[in-house]
Each structure stands twice: as C-alpha cells, then as structure tokens.
Amino acid sequence: MNAFLYAGNSIASSVIGTPGDIRALDYDEARALHEATHQPDNATLVVVGDVSERQVSRALQKVDWPGLEKENTDIVPPTFELAPPAKAMLRYPQADASPRLTFRRVVELPEPVQFDLLEAHATLLRDILDTNLPGGLAGPLRFDASIARRFDIQIWPIDERHVELSFTAAPDREASLSYVRVAFEEKLAEIAASGIPEETYHRVFSRFEHFWPDWDDSDESARWMAGYVLDRVSALRKPLQVSDVKRLQHNLSYQTINTLLNEIAGEGRTAAAFIGPEERF
C-alpha cells in the first residue's frame, strides 16, 4: 500500500527490505553499513532536565563526542510529491484470517499549514469522526446499522501540505468487505457535504485537552515536551518553543476542521485492501 500511496517518494520503499535482501546481507557488509551510518555526527542529542548547555558540553568532551555546534539549517524533511489521484484495490485471501478492511487515502491541501497546527486539527477531526455524535461515524457504521463490528480511524499529516486518512474495520456478521468500504466512503462524503455540527465540534473540543499535557504539572509537561521534541527531530523538523505549543489550542477552528474533512473525503490517492476468507470480499 505504501508503494502505491507514496509512489515517487523515498517513503514508498521499505527501510527493512525484502526477506531476500536481508538474507543477502553478509556479516562484513552489515559491519560496514553500521560503521558508516551510526556516527555521532549523524545524531541529534536531546537533553531533558535541569541541565545547562555547559554541563552537557563538558560531558560530551569526556567521552570524545563532537562538540556542540550551531543548528544545521541544511537538515530539512524530504520533499513529498503526491502522485496523481488514483485508486488501488488489493486482495489478500487468507481462509483462516478474520475478515478486515484497510482503507487509506492521501490528499493534498490547497494551502500549506504549519505542521504542529495541522497535526492538532487532524487529531481533533479524528476524535470527532470516532464518536457516536451527529457528524461521527460510530452511529452510522456500528450502532444505527450492523455494518462494522469495530473500526479504527486515524488522520495525520505527512508534511505541511499532505494528509493521510487510515480506516480499518471488521465487518459485522452479514456485511461483506465491499459493502463496508462503500458504506464508509458514502458516509464520509455525506458528513463532509453537510459539515460537522457545531455542537459536536464544541463537545469534542471541550475534552480535547488530552492532546497536550497539564501545563500546571511541571513533571508531566517535561515528559510531554521530551517526547514531542524527540518526535520532531526524528522527523527532521524544528520543535516549537513551549509558549508556541501552548498557543496551538487557541488556533484550532471549526471552519478549518470542516475544510480538512472536505479534503480527505474528496479526491486523493486511495488504496483499499481486503484481508480474510475470499467469500467475505
């Protein structure tokens, strides 16, 4: 699915390789690869706690690590270019597997959005769609009709201009995987056409505080910021300062949520996979 959705980009390829690739890597090649790539010069060190930069510098000198340098402004995330809209249907017959659907779509936004703000909007929209409230999917797909026994929906940014939607579902007893896929796409388009009700938006937004830590709890805030910084530097992005992170919640908007919903319900690069007994396809 990655090869199709991310066609033409580096993330389309598995970093692990095929079983044949792995078997062909001998001991000397593995050592040479490790020596070439696992170097301090290639690392980003994140220090958390009541520690000064001078103390960190002295500690690094004792173990012969490179000295602290100014931020390397040349390190940027790889560019992502979405291939033209297209659909791929994949079937993996497994007689003994529980039937399930995996549906993924990547869309391009009309304008770039700051990464952290886009991630917050995507997570809030995901929380809304996961509810049984008007504008959510739980009612139409699970409680009001016996279509999916359970499902999981995730939405996240690939970069500042591209967003991915993932929907996985186990069909109810009488539903085929094809029916689940069609019902999901139709209901998503229906919700996008009418818009998320304002009451639903405000109810889910009122409990969205879980996305950030309790800023009044210094230990919890420190742990959250440590994880946040590691996540950002791993993605070759500069983390925001604490003050900027705190302002993100005030920049979330009802209008942006509906705009984002319209994009992921529209045209994009879409892949759907059926897994399980073929008679359930």
Foldseek 3Di string as FASTA:
>chain_A
DLCQFQPPDPSSDDPVDDPVVVVPQDDVNVVVVCVVQVALVNDDDDDFDPDDLVRVQVVCVVVVHDGDDPDDPVQAFDDGDGDFFDEAEAEAEDAPDQKKKKKKWKFFAPDFDQQVLQFLLQVLLQLLQCDCDVLHVCCVQPPVDQFFVDKHWGKHAPHRTMIMIIIMTGTGDPAFPVRSVVSVLVSLQVSLVVAGDPVSSVVSLVPSCVVAFDVVDVVRNSVRVSVQCVVQVVSSHHDDDPVVSVCSSVVDDRVVSSSVSNRRSDTGHMYMYIYYHPVRD
